[in-house]
N, C-alpha and C. Protein backbone atom coordinates (compact mmCIF):
# COMPACT_ATOMS: atom_id res chain seq x y z
N MET A 1 -61.31 8.31 4.30
CA MET A 1 -60.00 7.82 4.25
C MET A 1 -58.88 8.61 3.34
N VAL A 2 -57.89 8.85 3.69
CA VAL A 2 -56.87 9.34 2.88
C VAL A 2 -55.82 8.33 2.40
N LYS A 3 -55.58 8.22 1.21
CA LYS A 3 -54.45 7.34 0.70
C LYS A 3 -53.36 7.93 0.20
N ALA A 4 -52.16 7.31 0.15
CA ALA A 4 -51.00 7.94 -0.43
C ALA A 4 -50.03 6.80 -0.77
N TYR A 5 -49.32 7.19 -1.78
CA TYR A 5 -48.17 6.35 -2.19
C TYR A 5 -46.92 7.01 -1.76
N ILE A 6 -46.09 6.12 -1.11
CA ILE A 6 -44.74 6.78 -0.57
C ILE A 6 -43.65 6.16 -1.37
N LEU A 7 -42.99 6.91 -2.21
CA LEU A 7 -41.86 6.46 -2.86
C LEU A 7 -40.62 6.55 -1.92
N MET A 8 -39.68 5.61 -1.96
CA MET A 8 -38.64 5.49 -1.02
C MET A 8 -37.19 5.18 -1.66
N LYS A 9 -36.24 5.80 -1.25
CA LYS A 9 -34.97 5.22 -1.71
C LYS A 9 -34.29 4.80 -0.60
N LEU A 10 -33.91 3.57 -0.83
CA LEU A 10 -33.17 2.80 0.27
C LEU A 10 -31.86 2.61 0.36
N VAL A 11 -31.08 2.59 1.47
CA VAL A 11 -29.64 2.35 1.55
C VAL A 11 -29.25 1.04 1.28
N PRO A 12 -28.32 0.77 0.32
CA PRO A 12 -27.98 -0.49 -0.12
C PRO A 12 -27.31 -1.34 1.07
N GLY A 13 -27.99 -2.58 1.08
CA GLY A 13 -27.68 -3.54 2.26
C GLY A 13 -28.56 -3.48 3.38
N LEU A 14 -29.44 -2.54 3.42
CA LEU A 14 -30.33 -2.42 4.49
C LEU A 14 -31.82 -2.72 3.90
N GLU A 15 -32.06 -3.09 2.67
CA GLU A 15 -33.32 -3.12 1.95
C GLU A 15 -34.34 -3.89 2.78
N SER A 16 -33.68 -5.20 2.87
CA SER A 16 -34.79 -6.25 3.56
C SER A 16 -35.26 -5.80 5.01
N ASP A 17 -34.33 -5.29 5.72
CA ASP A 17 -34.70 -4.88 7.10
C ASP A 17 -35.71 -3.66 7.11
N ALA A 18 -35.35 -2.51 6.21
CA ALA A 18 -36.23 -1.57 6.07
C ALA A 18 -37.73 -1.90 5.64
N LEU A 19 -37.72 -2.94 4.74
CA LEU A 19 -39.10 -3.20 4.30
C LEU A 19 -39.79 -3.95 5.13
N THR A 20 -39.15 -4.81 5.90
CA THR A 20 -39.90 -5.50 7.09
C THR A 20 -40.47 -4.46 8.00
N GLN A 21 -39.64 -3.58 8.50
CA GLN A 21 -40.09 -2.51 9.38
C GLN A 21 -41.39 -1.66 8.79
N ILE A 22 -41.28 -1.41 7.48
CA ILE A 22 -42.17 -0.56 6.98
C ILE A 22 -43.50 -1.45 6.95
N ARG A 23 -43.42 -2.61 6.60
CA ARG A 23 -44.64 -3.37 6.56
C ARG A 23 -45.35 -3.51 7.94
N GLY A 24 -44.87 -3.45 8.93
CA GLY A 24 -45.14 -3.55 10.33
C GLY A 24 -45.95 -2.23 10.86
N ILE A 25 -45.79 -1.14 10.01
CA ILE A 25 -46.18 0.23 10.41
C ILE A 25 -47.90 0.14 10.34
N ARG A 26 -48.56 0.53 11.30
CA ARG A 26 -49.84 0.82 11.31
C ARG A 26 -50.35 1.80 10.01
N GLY A 27 -51.29 1.33 9.40
CA GLY A 27 -51.65 2.14 8.10
C GLY A 27 -50.99 1.69 6.80
N VAL A 28 -49.97 1.22 6.80
CA VAL A 28 -49.23 0.66 5.54
C VAL A 28 -49.86 -0.57 5.08
N GLN A 29 -50.57 -0.36 3.82
CA GLN A 29 -51.22 -1.59 3.28
C GLN A 29 -50.41 -2.57 2.37
N ASN A 30 -49.51 -1.99 1.79
CA ASN A 30 -48.60 -2.85 0.84
C ASN A 30 -47.19 -2.10 0.68
N VAL A 31 -46.33 -2.90 0.38
CA VAL A 31 -44.90 -2.38 0.21
C VAL A 31 -44.40 -3.25 -0.94
N ASP A 32 -43.76 -2.64 -2.04
CA ASP A 32 -43.28 -3.32 -3.11
C ASP A 32 -41.76 -2.84 -3.51
N LEU A 33 -40.94 -3.71 -3.81
CA LEU A 33 -39.49 -3.34 -4.38
C LEU A 33 -40.01 -2.80 -5.74
N ILE A 34 -39.24 -1.72 -6.23
CA ILE A 34 -39.50 -1.35 -7.89
C ILE A 34 -38.09 -0.91 -8.42
N PHE A 35 -37.96 -0.76 -9.57
CA PHE A 35 -36.78 -0.35 -10.13
C PHE A 35 -36.94 0.94 -10.92
N GLY A 36 -35.77 1.65 -11.03
CA GLY A 36 -35.77 2.95 -11.44
C GLY A 36 -35.27 4.07 -10.41
N GLN A 37 -35.90 5.35 -10.46
CA GLN A 37 -35.35 6.30 -9.60
C GLN A 37 -35.61 5.92 -8.08
N TRP A 38 -36.74 5.32 -7.83
CA TRP A 38 -36.94 4.80 -6.45
C TRP A 38 -36.89 3.42 -6.35
N ASP A 39 -36.68 3.00 -4.99
CA ASP A 39 -36.44 1.66 -4.88
C ASP A 39 -37.53 0.76 -4.26
N ALA A 40 -38.54 1.54 -3.64
CA ALA A 40 -39.57 0.93 -3.16
C ALA A 40 -40.86 1.93 -3.06
N VAL A 41 -42.10 1.21 -3.07
CA VAL A 41 -43.23 2.06 -3.06
C VAL A 41 -43.99 1.49 -2.04
N ALA A 42 -44.72 2.30 -1.12
CA ALA A 42 -45.74 1.81 -0.01
C ALA A 42 -46.94 2.57 -0.38
N ILE A 43 -48.10 1.72 -0.06
CA ILE A 43 -49.48 2.34 0.10
C ILE A 43 -49.84 2.50 1.41
N ALA A 44 -50.26 3.66 1.75
CA ALA A 44 -50.82 3.92 3.15
C ALA A 44 -51.98 4.50 3.03
N GLU A 45 -52.75 4.23 4.33
CA GLU A 45 -54.08 5.09 4.42
C GLU A 45 -54.25 5.42 5.91
N ALA A 46 -54.95 6.41 6.06
CA ALA A 46 -55.23 7.14 7.35
C ALA A 46 -56.53 7.77 7.26
N LYS A 47 -57.17 8.11 8.27
CA LYS A 47 -58.53 8.62 8.46
C LYS A 47 -58.38 9.98 8.12
N THR A 48 -57.33 10.85 8.26
CA THR A 48 -57.29 12.23 8.07
C THR A 48 -55.71 12.48 7.40
N LEU A 49 -55.60 13.59 6.82
CA LEU A 49 -54.37 13.87 6.26
C LEU A 49 -53.28 14.04 7.39
N GLY A 50 -53.80 14.69 8.35
CA GLY A 50 -52.99 14.85 9.52
C GLY A 50 -52.36 13.59 10.15
N GLU A 51 -53.32 12.60 10.24
CA GLU A 51 -52.75 11.39 10.72
C GLU A 51 -51.80 10.66 9.60
N LEU A 52 -52.10 10.73 8.52
CA LEU A 52 -51.19 10.19 7.49
C LEU A 52 -49.84 10.96 7.38
N MET A 53 -49.79 12.32 7.52
CA MET A 53 -48.46 13.07 7.91
C MET A 53 -47.74 12.51 8.86
N LYS A 54 -48.34 12.19 10.14
CA LYS A 54 -47.62 11.91 11.18
C LYS A 54 -47.09 10.35 11.05
N THR A 55 -47.89 9.72 10.27
CA THR A 55 -47.29 8.37 10.07
C THR A 55 -46.04 8.36 8.95
N VAL A 56 -46.17 9.13 8.06
CA VAL A 56 -44.83 9.15 7.16
C VAL A 56 -43.80 9.88 7.86
N ILE A 57 -44.09 11.16 8.59
CA ILE A 57 -42.80 11.68 9.16
C ILE A 57 -42.27 10.95 10.51
N SER A 58 -43.20 10.43 11.24
CA SER A 58 -42.63 9.98 12.49
C SER A 58 -42.30 8.53 12.39
N GLN A 59 -42.96 7.63 11.53
CA GLN A 59 -42.66 6.36 11.41
C GLN A 59 -41.98 5.91 10.17
N VAL A 60 -42.33 6.25 8.99
CA VAL A 60 -41.83 5.59 7.82
C VAL A 60 -40.45 6.29 7.78
N ARG A 61 -40.27 7.57 7.79
CA ARG A 61 -38.96 8.32 7.71
C ARG A 61 -38.02 7.96 8.80
N ALA A 62 -38.30 7.34 9.85
CA ALA A 62 -37.55 6.92 10.85
C ALA A 62 -36.95 5.57 10.85
N VAL A 63 -37.55 4.91 9.70
CA VAL A 63 -36.89 3.49 9.75
C VAL A 63 -35.37 3.71 9.18
N GLN A 64 -34.65 2.72 9.84
CA GLN A 64 -33.20 2.76 9.47
C GLN A 64 -33.24 2.14 8.01
N GLY A 65 -32.51 2.89 7.14
CA GLY A 65 -32.41 2.21 5.72
C GLY A 65 -33.08 3.04 4.80
N ILE A 66 -33.92 3.98 5.39
CA ILE A 66 -34.78 4.96 4.31
C ILE A 66 -33.74 6.19 4.26
N GLN A 67 -33.53 6.37 2.80
CA GLN A 67 -32.56 7.44 2.63
C GLN A 67 -33.39 8.81 2.23
N ASP A 68 -34.46 8.53 1.30
CA ASP A 68 -35.33 9.68 0.97
C ASP A 68 -36.57 9.24 0.74
N THR A 69 -37.71 10.04 0.82
CA THR A 69 -39.11 9.76 0.46
C THR A 69 -39.81 10.69 -0.27
N GLN A 70 -40.64 10.42 -0.89
CA GLN A 70 -41.62 11.36 -1.69
C GLN A 70 -43.06 10.77 -1.60
N THR A 71 -44.08 11.61 -0.99
CA THR A 71 -45.28 11.15 -0.71
C THR A 71 -46.30 11.64 -1.58
N LEU A 72 -47.12 10.78 -2.43
CA LEU A 72 -48.00 11.37 -3.38
C LEU A 72 -49.34 11.11 -2.77
N VAL A 73 -50.21 11.94 -2.60
CA VAL A 73 -51.49 11.77 -1.78
C VAL A 73 -52.47 11.61 -2.88
N ALA A 74 -53.24 10.53 -2.89
CA ALA A 74 -54.16 10.39 -3.95
C ALA A 74 -55.54 11.17 -3.65
N GLY A 75 -56.09 11.61 -4.59
CA GLY A 75 -57.27 12.58 -4.75
C GLY A 75 -58.38 11.69 -5.17
N VAL A 76 -59.53 12.25 -4.90
CA VAL A 76 -60.78 11.46 -5.34
C VAL A 76 -61.54 12.44 -6.58
N ILE A 77 -61.64 11.74 -7.49
CA ILE A 77 -62.25 12.52 -8.60
C ILE A 77 -63.78 12.28 -8.83
């Protein structure tokens, strides 16, 4: 399994709807609002890096209310 943390900037006023949509995406394990440079963080898992990439690009980034993302892929030590 490949795990990633997806940092998101949200459009003001669309936060609630965006978070609801993100929570419904297959592979997204958790979504939390945070404070600072980013507005929210999601934890996502997929079987392969390619599958994870497809989820982020075609589903997470497609959510109305997402202004910007940064994906941090977790490594195994």
